[in-house]
C-alpha cells in the first residue's frame, strides 16, 4: 500500500504540461516594434462581436501615432472563445485551428472569421 501511494505521489508530482513556445492567439498584423500586446476574445456567433469587429479593424488599419500605424506598436492577438449559449459556436470555432494549420498564415483565419460574421444569421437560427 505504501508503494502504491509513493508511486501515485511521484506520478502526480511529475505530471506537468509543457509551456507553449509561442503565445497563443491569431495575430492580426505582426508589430515590428511591439510595445503593447492586446488580446481580443471573440465568439464568432456573438452579435456584439460582429458589430465590434469592422470598426476595430478599421481603427487598426487607419489610425496613426506620430506618423506610424498603430499596428507598428500594438500587436493584436485574437482568441476564439465560443460562448455556451450560442449553440453552434463551438462547432464554428473548431474550424479556426484547422484553417491556420492548413494555410500556415493568419490571413485565411481572418477571411474565415469575416465569412462567419457575414453568414452569422444562418447559424443562430
Foldseek 3Di string as FASTA:
>chain_A
DVVVVVVVVVCVVPDDDDDDPDDDFAWPDAAQAEDEEAEAEDQLLDPVCLVPPVVVVVQQVDDDDPPHGPSNHYIYGYDYDHDVVQPCRVVLVVCLVVQCVVPVHCPVSVVSSVVCSVVSVVSRD
